[in-house]
Structure formats: C-alpha cells, structure tokens
C-alpha atoms as a PDB file:
ATOM      1  CA  MET A   1     -33.681   2.282 -61.708  1.00  0.00           C
ATOM      2  CA  ALA A   2     -30.767   1.038 -63.940  1.00  0.00           C
ATOM      3  CA  GLU A   3     -30.673   4.714 -64.789  1.00  0.00           C
ATOM      4  CA  LEU A   4     -30.284   5.456 -61.280  1.00  0.00           C
ATOM      5  CA  GLY A   5     -26.874   3.716 -61.334  1.00  0.00           C
ATOM      6  CA  GLY A   6     -28.687   0.691 -60.403  1.00  0.00           C
ATOM      7  CA  THR A   7     -30.137  -0.558 -56.827  1.00  0.00           C
ATOM      8  CA  TYR A   8     -28.632  -2.273 -53.720  1.00  0.00           C
ATOM      9  CA  SER A   9     -30.826  -4.343 -51.288  1.00  0.00           C
ATOM     10  CA  LEU A  10     -30.768  -2.688 -47.775  1.00  0.00           C
ATOM     11  CA  GLY A  11     -30.768  -6.141 -45.395  1.00  0.00           C
ATOM     12  CA  GLY A  12     -31.351  -7.989 -48.249  1.00  0.00           C
ATOM     13  CA  GLU A  13     -34.646  -6.646 -47.898  1.00  0.00           C
ATOM     14  CA  LEU A  14     -35.552  -2.789 -49.154  1.00  0.00           C
ATOM     15  CA  PRO A  15     -33.985  -2.698 -52.275  1.00  0.00           C
ATOM     16  CA  VAL A  16     -33.240   0.979 -53.243  1.00  0.00           C
ATOM     17  CA  THR A  17     -31.679   3.274 -55.992  1.00  0.00           C
ATOM     18  CA  ARG A  18     -28.038   3.947 -55.763  1.00  0.00           C
ATOM     19  CA  MET A  19     -28.359   7.424 -56.774  1.00  0.00           C
ATOM     20  CA  GLY A  20     -31.088   8.588 -53.829  1.00  0.00           C
ATOM     21  CA  TYR A  21     -31.986  11.955 -52.555  1.00  0.00           C
ATOM     22  CA  GLY A  22     -31.071  13.732 -49.688  1.00  0.00           C
ATOM     23  CA  ALA A  23     -34.063  16.210 -47.793  1.00  0.00           C
ATOM     24  CA  MET A  24     -31.545  18.165 -45.677  1.00  0.00           C
ATOM     25  CA  GLN A  25     -31.944  20.543 -47.743  1.00  0.00           C
ATOM     26  CA  LEU A  26     -35.738  21.728 -48.073  1.00  0.00           C
ATOM     27  CA  ALA A  27     -35.348  23.196 -44.653  1.00  0.00           C
ATOM     28  CA  GLY A  28     -34.726  26.948 -44.032  1.00  0.00           C
ATOM     29  CA  PRO A  29     -31.416  29.002 -43.775  1.00  0.00           C
ATOM     30  CA  GLY A  30     -29.272  26.986 -41.407  1.00  0.00           C
ATOM     31  CA  VAL A  31     -31.819  23.600 -41.571  1.00  0.00           C
ATOM     32  CA  TRP A  32     -34.156  25.485 -39.685  1.00  0.00           C
ATOM     33  CA  GLY A  33     -37.434  26.302 -40.043  1.00  0.00           C
ATOM     34  CA  PRO A  34     -39.859  25.688 -43.286  1.00  0.00           C
ATOM     35  CA  PRO A  35     -38.416  26.224 -46.772  1.00  0.00           C
ATOM     36  CA  LYS A  36     -38.205  29.594 -48.282  1.00  0.00           C
ATOM     37  CA  ASP A  37     -40.491  27.857 -51.085  1.00  0.00           C
ATOM     38  CA  HIS A  38     -42.874  25.414 -49.859  1.00  0.00           C
ATOM     39  CA  ASP A  39     -44.414  24.576 -53.693  1.00  0.00           C
ATOM     40  CA  THR A  40     -40.948  23.887 -54.598  1.00  0.00           C
ATOM     41  CA  ALA A  41     -40.301  21.660 -52.031  1.00  0.00           C
ATOM     42  CA  VAL A  42     -42.596  20.194 -52.868  1.00  0.00           C
ATOM     43  CA  ALA A  43     -42.135  19.432 -56.497  1.00  0.00           C
ATOM     44  CA  VAL A  44     -38.303  18.456 -55.714  1.00  0.00           C
ATOM     45  CA  LEU A  45     -39.209  15.628 -53.673  1.00  0.00           C
ATOM     46  CA  ARG A  46     -42.296  14.547 -55.915  1.00  0.00           C
ATOM     47  CA  GLU A  47     -39.908  14.573 -58.725  1.00  0.00           C
ATOM     48  CA  ALA A  48     -37.538  12.927 -57.670  1.00  0.00           C
ATOM     49  CA  VAL A  49     -39.824   9.887 -56.758  1.00  0.00           C
ATOM     50  CA  GLU A  50     -41.515  10.570 -59.903  1.00  0.00           C
ATOM     51  CA  ARG A  51     -38.016   9.500 -62.081  1.00  0.00           C
ATOM     52  CA  GLY A  52     -37.350   6.907 -60.108  1.00  0.00           C
ATOM     53  CA  VAL A  53     -35.591   7.234 -56.300  1.00  0.00           C
ATOM     54  CA  THR A  54     -36.574   4.699 -53.630  1.00  0.00           C
ATOM     55  CA  HIS A  55     -34.279   5.824 -51.390  1.00  0.00           C
ATOM     56  CA  LEU A  56     -34.866   9.000 -49.677  1.00  0.00           C
ATOM     57  CA  ASP A  57     -32.782  10.578 -46.735  1.00  0.00           C
ATOM     58  CA  THR A  58     -33.692  12.612 -43.791  1.00  0.00           C
ATOM     59  CA  SER A  59     -34.086  13.543 -39.812  1.00  0.00           C
ATOM     60  CA  ASP A  60     -36.587  15.145 -37.533  1.00  0.00           C
ATOM     61  CA  TYR A  61     -34.050  17.246 -36.383  1.00  0.00           C
ATOM     62  CA  TYR A  62     -33.919  18.981 -39.676  1.00  0.00           C
ATOM     63  CA  GLY A  63     -35.751  21.803 -39.155  1.00  0.00           C
ATOM     64  CA  PRO A  64     -36.662  20.489 -36.371  1.00  0.00           C
ATOM     65  CA  HIS A  65     -39.469  18.378 -37.646  1.00  0.00           C
ATOM     66  CA  THR A  66     -40.171  20.697 -40.921  1.00  0.00           C
ATOM     67  CA  VAL A  67     -38.790  18.278 -43.374  1.00  0.00           C
ATOM     68  CA  ASN A  68     -39.921  15.347 -42.376  1.00  0.00           C
ATOM     69  CA  ALA A  69     -43.690  16.858 -42.022  1.00  0.00           C
ATOM     70  CA  LEU A  70     -42.643  18.193 -45.819  1.00  0.00           C
ATOM     71  CA  ILE A  71     -41.969  14.559 -46.659  1.00  0.00           C
ATOM     72  CA  LYS A  72     -45.710  13.236 -45.792  1.00  0.00           C
ATOM     73  CA  ASP A  73     -47.225  16.273 -47.272  1.00  0.00           C
ATOM     74  CA  ALA A  74     -45.878  15.588 -50.849  1.00  0.00           C
ATOM     75  CA  LEU A  75     -45.439  12.101 -50.992  1.00  0.00           C
ATOM     76  CA  HIS A  76     -48.265  10.685 -48.552  1.00  0.00           C
ATOM     77  CA  PRO A  77     -49.719   7.706 -49.004  1.00  0.00           C
ATOM     78  CA  TYR A  78     -45.790   6.505 -49.948  1.00  0.00           C
ATOM     79  CA  PRO A  79     -45.063   4.099 -53.017  1.00  0.00           C
ATOM     80  CA  GLU A  80     -44.338   0.750 -51.923  1.00  0.00           C
ATOM     81  CA  SER A  81     -41.053   0.999 -53.178  1.00  0.00           C
ATOM     82  CA  LEU A  82     -39.917   4.325 -51.294  1.00  0.00           C
ATOM     83  CA  VAL A  83     -37.631   3.586 -48.361  1.00  0.00           C
ATOM     84  CA  ILE A  84     -37.117   6.178 -45.976  1.00  0.00           C
ATOM     85  CA  VAL A  85     -34.397   6.339 -44.108  1.00  0.00           C
ATOM     86  CA  THR A  86     -33.371   8.566 -40.973  1.00  0.00           C
ATOM     87  CA  LYS A  87     -31.405   9.592 -38.066  1.00  0.00           C
ATOM     88  CA  VAL A  88     -31.005  10.253 -34.486  1.00  0.00           C
ATOM     89  CA  GLY A  89     -28.669  10.827 -32.042  1.00  0.00           C
ATOM     90  CA  ALA A  90     -28.552  14.875 -32.225  1.00  0.00           C
ATOM     91  CA  ARG A  91     -31.493  17.372 -31.503  1.00  0.00           C
ATOM     92  CA  ARG A  92     -32.022  21.176 -31.901  1.00  0.00           C
ATOM     93  CA  SER A  93     -31.028  23.761 -29.584  1.00  0.00           C
ATOM     94  CA  ALA A  94     -32.613  27.408 -29.146  1.00  0.00           C
ATOM     95  CA  ASP A  95     -29.586  28.707 -31.267  1.00  0.00           C
ATOM     96  CA  LYS A  96     -29.825  26.585 -34.150  1.00  0.00           C
ATOM     97  CA  GLY A  97     -26.757  24.084 -32.530  1.00  0.00           C
ATOM     98  CA  TRP A  98     -26.655  20.332 -32.827  1.00  0.00           C
ATOM     99  CA  PRO A  99     -26.044  19.158 -29.383  1.00  0.00           C
ATOM    100  CA  PRO A 100     -26.071  15.364 -28.924  1.00  0.00           C
ATOM    101  CA  ALA A 101     -28.827  13.490 -28.136  1.00  0.00           C
ATOM    102  CA  LEU A 102     -27.990   9.956 -26.952  1.00  0.00           C
ATOM    103  CA  SER A 103     -29.905   9.447 -23.757  1.00  0.00           C
ATOM    104  CA  ALA A 104     -32.214   6.505 -23.721  1.00  0.00           C
ATOM    105  CA  ALA A 105     -35.285   9.014 -23.434  1.00  0.00           C
ATOM    106  CA  ASP A 106     -33.543  11.674 -26.524  1.00  0.00           C
ATOM    107  CA  LEU A 107     -33.731   8.214 -28.615  1.00  0.00           C
ATOM    108  CA  THR A 108     -36.963   7.184 -27.854  1.00  0.00           C
ATOM    109  CA  GLU A 109     -38.703  10.896 -28.066  1.00  0.00           C
ATOM    110  CA  ALA A 110     -36.708  11.151 -31.668  1.00  0.00           C
ATOM    111  CA  VAL A 111     -37.803   7.564 -32.808  1.00  0.00           C
ATOM    112  CA  HIS A 112     -41.739   8.643 -32.255  1.00  0.00           C
ATOM    113  CA  ASP A 113     -41.579  11.846 -33.459  1.00  0.00           C
ATOM    114  CA  ASN A 114     -40.152  10.710 -36.927  1.00  0.00           C
ATOM    115  CA  LEU A 115     -43.163   7.908 -37.113  1.00  0.00           C
ATOM    116  CA  ARG A 116     -45.723  10.947 -36.009  1.00  0.00           C
ATOM    117  CA  ASN A 117     -44.139  13.653 -38.434  1.00  0.00           C
ATOM    118  CA  LEU A 118     -43.816  10.956 -41.070  1.00  0.00           C
ATOM    119  CA  GLY A 119     -47.371   9.380 -40.838  1.00  0.00           C
ATOM    120  CA  VAL A 120     -45.481   5.831 -40.599  1.00  0.00           C
ATOM    121  CA  ASP A 121     -46.067   2.540 -38.298  1.00  0.00           C
ATOM    122  CA  ALA A 122     -42.454   1.829 -38.317  1.00  0.00           C
ATOM    123  CA  LEU A 123     -39.452   3.415 -40.248  1.00  0.00           C
ATOM    124  CA  ASP A 124     -37.775   1.829 -42.364  1.00  0.00           C
ATOM    125  CA  VAL A 125     -34.208   2.293 -41.117  1.00  0.00           C
ATOM    126  CA  VAL A 126     -32.863   4.603 -38.265  1.00  0.00           C
ATOM    127  CA  ASN A 127     -29.276   5.830 -38.310  1.00  0.00           C
ATOM    128  CA  LEU A 128     -27.454   5.968 -34.673  1.00  0.00           C
ATOM    129  CA  ARG A 129     -25.543   9.571 -35.170  1.00  0.00           C
ATOM    130  CA  LEU A 130     -22.453   9.613 -32.877  1.00  0.00           C
ATOM    131  CA  SER A 131     -21.277  13.390 -32.065  1.00  0.00           C
ATOM    132  CA  ASN A 132     -19.762  15.145 -28.877  1.00  0.00           C
ATOM    133  CA  ALA A 133     -19.274  18.910 -28.361  1.00  0.00           C
ATOM    134  CA  ALA A 134     -15.776  18.605 -29.146  1.00  0.00           C
ATOM    135  CA  GLY A 135     -16.817  17.477 -32.801  1.00  0.00           C
ATOM    136  CA  ASP A 136     -14.347  14.387 -32.605  1.00  0.00           C
ATOM    137  CA  TYR A 137     -13.868  11.832 -35.281  1.00  0.00           C
ATOM    138  CA  PRO A 138     -14.294   9.538 -34.189  1.00  0.00           C
ATOM    139  CA  VAL A 139     -16.216   9.949 -31.226  1.00  0.00           C
ATOM    140  CA  PRO A 140     -14.202   8.592 -28.225  1.00  0.00           C
ATOM    141  CA  MET A 141     -17.375   6.711 -26.780  1.00  0.00           C
ATOM    142  CA  SER A 142     -18.834   2.869 -26.658  1.00  0.00           C
ATOM    143  CA  LEU A 143     -21.834   3.386 -28.830  1.00  0.00           C
ATOM    144  CA  ALA A 144     -23.129  -0.310 -26.920  1.00  0.00           C
ATOM    145  CA  GLU A 145     -26.149   1.714 -24.531  1.00  0.00           C
ATOM    146  CA  PRO A 146     -27.504   3.869 -27.343  1.00  0.00           C
ATOM    147  CA  PHE A 147     -27.253   1.003 -30.269  1.00  0.00           C
ATOM    148  CA  GLY A 148     -28.878  -1.282 -27.560  1.00  0.00           C
ATOM    149  CA  VAL A 149     -31.964   1.550 -27.124  1.00  0.00           C
ATOM    150  CA  LEU A 150     -32.616   1.328 -31.089  1.00  0.00           C
ATOM    151  CA  ALA A 151     -32.258  -2.336 -31.022  1.00  0.00           C
ATOM    152  CA  GLU A 152     -34.796  -2.702 -28.581  1.00  0.00           C
ATOM    153  CA  LEU A 153     -37.382  -0.385 -30.776  1.00  0.00           C
ATOM    154  CA  ARG A 154     -36.237  -2.188 -33.183  1.00  0.00           C
ATOM    155  CA  ASP A 155     -37.646  -5.191 -31.346  1.00  0.00           C
ATOM    156  CA  GLN A 156     -40.962  -3.767 -30.963  1.00  0.00           C
ATOM    157  CA  GLY A 157     -41.493  -3.143 -34.266  1.00  0.00           C
ATOM    158  CA  LEU A 158     -40.909   0.617 -34.287  1.00  0.00           C
ATOM    159  CA  ILE A 159     -37.973   0.183 -36.414  1.00  0.00           C
ATOM    160  CA  ARG A 160     -37.269  -2.373 -39.413  1.00  0.00           C
ATOM    161  CA  HIS A 161     -33.393  -1.687 -40.055  1.00  0.00           C
ATOM    162  CA  LEU A 162     -30.550  -0.491 -38.068  1.00  0.00           C
ATOM    163  CA  GLY A 163     -27.981   2.022 -39.345  1.00  0.00           C
ATOM    164  CA  VAL A 164     -24.647   3.903 -38.086  1.00  0.00           C
ATOM    165  CA  SER A 165     -23.421   7.146 -38.801  1.00  0.00           C
ATOM    166  CA  HIS A 166     -20.182   9.041 -38.000  1.00  0.00           C
ATOM    167  CA  VAL A 167     -18.326   5.731 -36.592  1.00  0.00           C
ATOM    168  CA  SER A 168     -15.454   4.506 -36.935  1.00  0.00           C
ATOM    169  CA  ALA A 169     -14.851   0.186 -37.966  1.00  0.00           C
ATOM    170  CA  GLU A 170     -14.389  -0.591 -34.348  1.00  0.00           C
ATOM    171  CA  GLN A 171     -17.667   0.892 -33.378  1.00  0.00           C
ATOM    172  CA  LEU A 172     -19.884  -0.624 -36.632  1.00  0.00           C
ATOM    173  CA  ASP A 173     -18.437  -3.913 -35.140  1.00  0.00           C
ATOM    174  CA  GLU A 174     -19.751  -3.252 -31.832  1.00  0.00           C
ATOM    175  CA  ALA A 175     -23.031  -2.488 -33.106  1.00  0.00           C
ATOM    176  CA  LYS A 176     -22.753  -5.142 -35.223  1.00  0.00           C
ATOM    177  CA  ALA A 177     -22.363  -7.743 -31.738  1.00  0.00           C
ATOM    178  CA  ILE A 178     -25.868  -6.177 -30.714  1.00  0.00           C
ATOM    179  CA  ALA A 179     -27.862  -6.188 -34.095  1.00  0.00           C
ATOM    180  CA  PRO A 180     -27.574  -6.402 -37.845  1.00  0.00           C
ATOM    181  CA  VAL A 181     -26.394  -3.161 -39.156  1.00  0.00           C
ATOM    182  CA  VAL A 182     -27.526  -2.396 -42.968  1.00  0.00           C
ATOM    183  CA  CYS A 183     -25.473   1.038 -43.652  1.00  0.00           C
ATOM    184  CA  VAL A 184     -23.099   3.412 -42.502  1.00  0.00           C
ATOM    185  CA  GLN A 185     -23.375   6.986 -43.169  1.00  0.00           C
ATOM    186  CA  ASN A 186     -19.953   8.894 -42.909  1.00  0.00           C
ATOM    187  CA  GLN A 187     -17.833  11.697 -44.559  1.00  0.00           C
ATOM    188  CA  TYR A 188     -16.344  10.193 -47.782  1.00  0.00           C
ATOM    189  CA  ASN A 189     -15.458  12.138 -51.167  1.00  0.00           C
ATOM    190  CA  LEU A 190     -12.970  12.958 -53.675  1.00  0.00           C
ATOM    191  CA  ALA A 191     -10.661  14.737 -51.251  1.00  0.00           C
ATOM    192  CA  HIS A 192     -11.595  13.031 -47.785  1.00  0.00           C
ATOM    193  CA  ARG A 193     -10.757   9.344 -48.373  1.00  0.00           C
ATOM    194  CA  GLU A 194      -9.888   8.569 -44.511  1.00  0.00           C
ATOM    195  CA  ASN A 195     -12.621   5.972 -44.602  1.00  0.00           C
ATOM    196  CA  ASP A 196     -11.197   4.244 -47.550  1.00  0.00           C
ATOM    197  CA  ASP A 197     -10.673   1.193 -45.561  1.00  0.00           C
ATOM    198  CA  LEU A 198     -14.139   1.236 -44.132  1.00  0.00           C
ATOM    199  CA  VAL A 199     -15.760   1.376 -47.506  1.00  0.00           C
ATOM    200  CA  ASP A 200     -13.785  -1.566 -48.689  1.00  0.00           C
ATOM    201  CA  LYS A 201     -15.033  -3.201 -44.846  1.00  0.00           C
ATOM    202  CA  CYS A 202     -18.676  -2.477 -45.878  1.00  0.00           C
ATOM    203  CA  ALA A 203     -18.844  -3.766 -49.023  1.00  0.00           C
ATOM    204  CA  ALA A 204     -17.118  -7.068 -48.007  1.00  0.00           C
ATOM    205  CA  GLU A 205     -19.755  -8.165 -45.505  1.00  0.00           C
ATOM    206  CA  GLY A 206     -22.646  -6.408 -47.135  1.00  0.00           C
ATOM    207  CA  ILE A 207     -23.633  -3.119 -45.786  1.00  0.00           C
ATOM    208  CA  ALA A 208     -23.851  -0.157 -47.565  1.00  0.00           C
ATOM    209  CA  PHE A 209     -21.525   3.369 -47.410  1.00  0.00           C
ATOM    210  CA  VAL A 210     -23.704   6.357 -47.744  1.00  0.00           C
ATOM    211  CA  PRO A 211     -21.606   8.846 -48.247  1.00  0.00           C
ATOM    212  CA  TYR A 212     -22.021  12.580 -46.763  1.00  0.00           C
ATOM    213  CA  PHE A 213     -20.334  15.933 -48.411  1.00  0.00           C
ATOM    214  CA  PRO A 214     -19.817  14.613 -51.727  1.00  0.00           C
ATOM    215  CA  LEU A 215     -17.972  18.212 -52.396  1.00  0.00           C
ATOM    216  CA  GLY A 216     -16.966  19.005 -49.008  1.00  0.00           C
ATOM    217  CA  GLY A 217     -13.748  20.164 -47.573  1.00  0.00           C
ATOM    218  CA  PHE A 218     -11.978  20.737 -50.658  1.00  0.00           C
ATOM    219  CA  SER A 219      -8.942  22.854 -50.897  1.00  0.00           C
ATOM    220  CA  PRO A 220      -8.556  25.106 -54.014  1.00  0.00           C
ATOM    221  CA  LEU A 221      -5.653  22.807 -55.371  1.00  0.00           C
ATOM    222  CA  GLN A 222      -8.205  19.789 -55.401  1.00  0.00           C
ATOM    223  CA  SER A 223     -11.012  21.652 -56.254  1.00  0.00           C
ATOM    224  CA  GLY A 224      -8.838  22.740 -59.695  1.00  0.00           C
ATOM    225  CA  LEU A 225      -8.234  19.308 -60.390  1.00  0.00           C
ATOM    226  CA  LEU A 226     -12.058  18.344 -60.251  1.00  0.00           C
ATOM    227  CA  ASP A 227     -12.938  21.339 -62.227  1.00  0.00           C
ATOM    228  CA  ASP A 228     -10.422  20.123 -65.108  1.00  0.00           C
ATOM    229  CA  CYS A 229     -11.751  16.915 -64.846  1.00  0.00           C
ATOM    230  CA  ALA A 230     -15.310  18.117 -65.065  1.00  0.00           C
ATOM    231  CA  ALA A 231     -14.466  20.322 -68.223  1.00  0.00           C
ATOM    232  CA  ARG A 232     -13.441  17.899 -70.390  1.00  0.00           C
ATOM    233  CA  LEU A 233     -16.113  15.605 -69.687  1.00  0.00           C
ATOM    234  CA  GLY A 234     -18.337  18.431 -70.044  1.00  0.00           C
ATOM    235  CA  ALA A 235     -20.183  17.701 -66.724  1.00  0.00           C
ATOM    236  CA  THR A 236     -20.479  19.856 -63.524  1.00  0.00           C
ATOM    237  CA  PRO A 237     -17.537  18.933 -60.779  1.00  0.00           C
ATOM    238  CA  MET A 238     -20.799  17.768 -58.730  1.00  0.00           C
ATOM    239  CA  GLN A 239     -21.748  15.374 -61.538  1.00  0.00           C
ATOM    240  CA  VAL A 240     -18.234  14.092 -62.299  1.00  0.00           C
ATOM    241  CA  ALA A 241     -17.834  13.742 -57.657  1.00  0.00           C
ATOM    242  CA  LEU A 242     -20.828  11.868 -57.591  1.00  0.00           C
ATOM    243  CA  ALA A 243     -19.805   9.573 -60.835  1.00  0.00           C
ATOM    244  CA  TRP A 244     -16.416   8.700 -59.161  1.00  0.00           C
ATOM    245  CA  LEU A 245     -18.257   7.619 -55.879  1.00  0.00           C
ATOM    246  CA  LEU A 246     -20.746   4.846 -57.323  1.00  0.00           C
ATOM    247  CA  ARG A 247     -17.797   3.434 -59.013  1.00  0.00           C
ATOM    248  CA  ARG A 248     -15.675   3.511 -55.908  1.00  0.00           C
ATOM    249  CA  SER A 249     -17.808   0.591 -54.016  1.00  0.00           C
ATOM    250  CA  PRO A 250     -20.834  -1.373 -55.266  1.00  0.00           C
ATOM    251  CA  SER A 251     -22.422  -1.343 -51.936  1.00  0.00           C
ATOM    252  CA  MET A 252     -22.107   2.717 -52.218  1.00  0.00           C
ATOM    253  CA  LEU A 253     -25.411   4.587 -51.962  1.00  0.00           C
ATOM    254  CA  LEU A 254     -25.654   8.295 -52.532  1.00  0.00           C
ATOM    255  CA  ILE A 255     -27.621  10.779 -51.143  1.00  0.00           C
ATOM    256  CA  PRO A 256     -26.932  14.158 -52.947  1.00  0.00           C
ATOM    257  CA  GLY A 257     -29.556  17.191 -51.683  1.00  0.00           C
ATOM    258  CA  THR A 258     -30.737  20.297 -53.416  1.00  0.00           C
ATOM    259  CA  SER A 259     -33.922  22.496 -53.040  1.00  0.00           C
ATOM    260  CA  SER A 260     -33.398  22.753 -56.636  1.00  0.00           C
ATOM    261  CA  PRO A 261     -35.784  20.713 -59.471  1.00  0.00           C
ATOM    262  CA  GLU A 262     -32.474  21.645 -62.057  1.00  0.00           C
ATOM    263  CA  HIS A 263     -30.038  20.251 -59.867  1.00  0.00           C
ATOM    264  CA  LEU A 264     -31.951  17.626 -58.793  1.00  0.00           C
ATOM    265  CA  ARG A 265     -31.785  16.704 -62.370  1.00  0.00           C
ATOM    266  CA  GLU A 266     -27.768  17.379 -62.797  1.00  0.00           C
ATOM    267  CA  ASN A 267     -27.048  15.423 -59.846  1.00  0.00           C
ATOM    268  CA  LEU A 268     -29.174  12.150 -61.150  1.00  0.00           C
ATOM    269  CA  ALA A 269     -27.741  12.457 -64.221  1.00  0.00           C
ATOM    270  CA  ALA A 270     -24.323  11.793 -62.806  1.00  0.00           C
ATOM    271  CA  ALA A 271     -25.415   7.894 -62.303  1.00  0.00           C
ATOM    272  CA  ASP A 272     -25.034   7.714 -66.286  1.00  0.00           C
ATOM    273  CA  LEU A 273     -21.828   9.693 -66.509  1.00  0.00           C
ATOM    274  CA  GLU A 274     -18.646   7.479 -67.979  1.00  0.00           C
ATOM    275  CA  LEU A 275     -15.474   8.077 -66.378  1.00  0.00           C
ATOM    276  CA  PRO A 276     -12.294   6.949 -68.888  1.00  0.00           C
ATOM    277  CA  GLY A 277      -9.514   5.783 -67.378  1.00  0.00           C
ATOM    278  CA  ASP A 278      -7.459   8.585 -67.801  1.00  0.00           C
ATOM    279  CA  VAL A 279     -10.146  11.057 -65.789  1.00  0.00           C
ATOM    280  CA  LEU A 280     -10.081   8.699 -63.312  1.00  0.00           C
ATOM    281  CA  ALA A 281      -6.137   8.745 -62.745  1.00  0.00           C
ATOM    282  CA  ASP A 282      -6.320  12.364 -62.524  1.00  0.00           C
ATOM    283  CA  LEU A 283      -9.667  12.141 -60.169  1.00  0.00           C
ATOM    284  CA  ASP A 284      -7.243   9.720 -58.029  1.00  0.00           C
ATOM    285  CA  ARG A 285      -4.777  12.307 -57.377  1.00  0.00           C
ATOM    286  CA  ILE A 286      -7.197  14.556 -55.758  1.00  0.00           C
ATOM    287  CA  GLY A 287      -7.051  12.321 -52.839  1.00  0.00           C
ATOM    288  CA  ALA A 288      -3.452  12.889 -52.430  1.00  0.00           C
ATOM    289  CA  ALA A 289      -3.009  16.295 -53.712  1.00  0.00           C
END
C-alpha cells in the first residue's frame, strides 16, 4: 500500500489505497456491452488487486450491468480489504446515451441493480452523480430529494457510506446536512483547476476528493508542456499527471482506468514518481496555459 500512494480512510472506517482503479474502460466501445476481450479484462481486475489496490470504482450503468458482472466474475468472493465504490443518478438509453435518472424509483432500482450484479448485501460507497440533459456544471438543482433517497437506503443497511459527484461546494454542504459524505467525485486535473477551492475544502473537512478525466480537456499547448515534463523525468504524461494529483492534496484518491495490464502497471507506478521542484513549477503553469 505504501507503494500506491499510501492510504486514506473513507468515513474513518474504510481504508483504501490512494491509487485505485476505475473499471469503466472494461466495457465495450462507448462503455456499452461486454469487453472485447473478457479474459484480459478479468486479468486486469485480478492484477490490480494482487498489486495491492483496495479502491475499485464502478457503476452498474457501465455496460450497462456488464462491468459489475465482470467484477463479480473476476473477484468474488471479494477480499476483505477491497472497497467497491459505485455511482447512481444516470441510466443508459437505447441510443447509448446517459440520461439522468434521479427519481426515487430510479435510484432505488439502481442501488438494487448494483447489489445484485456485484453479488453483495450492502454497497461500500454509493456516489450520487448529478447531471442534466444540458450537461451543465454545476447542475442548477437541489440534491436534497435524491440524496435523501440514498440516505434512507443507507439507514436500511443497503449502503454503508455516501458520496456525491459532479457537485458544487454549496451542493456538498446541502448533502452533508442530510447525511455524512465521505467522497466527492468531480472532474479535476492539471489543466482544469476550477475545483481548486473544493479540493481544499474536502481536505479540510476529512472528505476524499476523487478526480476523473486526469488527462481530459488539455489544449495542444498544455499537452506540450506536460510532454516536456514527462520527457525530463523519463515517464509518461499520464504518470506525471497522476503523480501531480497525488501531491496536490492529502485527501486526493485516484481511479485511473485501463483495459490493458501494461497500462495498469504504468499507472500504478506513478505513485512512486518523484516530482522535483522545477518540474512542479512547470506543471503548475499548465493550469494557466
């Protein structure tokens, strides 16, 4: 675990490696259908756990259903140390879209789908992901009603801990007034620093911040700066971006995804990458480029 960025305790109860694994890319193209190579997908999941990863991120709408079924096939019965974090709040449409699914019935069904397809009696962590058809961020809505539904399912023993995704600081506070929040999952990386204040707020309040798209949305200039830093360190751009995130905040948890065993090893190795002061200074310039 020390080689995976150390550990962080979700809700003070669930210790996880700060370098985790995101399972979305195990589905077929467009995050739809089964993996193109079932055996390789199983091998990636098993190797991640064998190398010490204890934080696995998924959702039953990946596939839909196929990724959770794959996780169950590869890893069940699960090691006691493994924490599986899932998310609800969307569904898959026939045209392979991701429409919001935030009604009480939708959320309850999603939780039971996750329970069934993962083969567990209770879900370790469930994130409520906010979205709307316009793709707004933040989504202009109160999360009190949907988060309250998940809080009730938590009280029933079907969920151990709750998180939120694609939220503002104000929406995080709204959720915390209803039930404890152990993690926030928002887009954040070297180039997209809009959530800087939220990263710091989470660290101060003992909440994990879990960034997605660690290399998403880079301009050519920003990518060029990152490539230069990576070349100087003899590392890949992805490794440098992940290493920077680990050092950005002590409550930062990473969930890079891949369907390749080789890329899995590269990603995990980023936890050991040292970033000298001059490289850190150049990386910090990326956000302003």
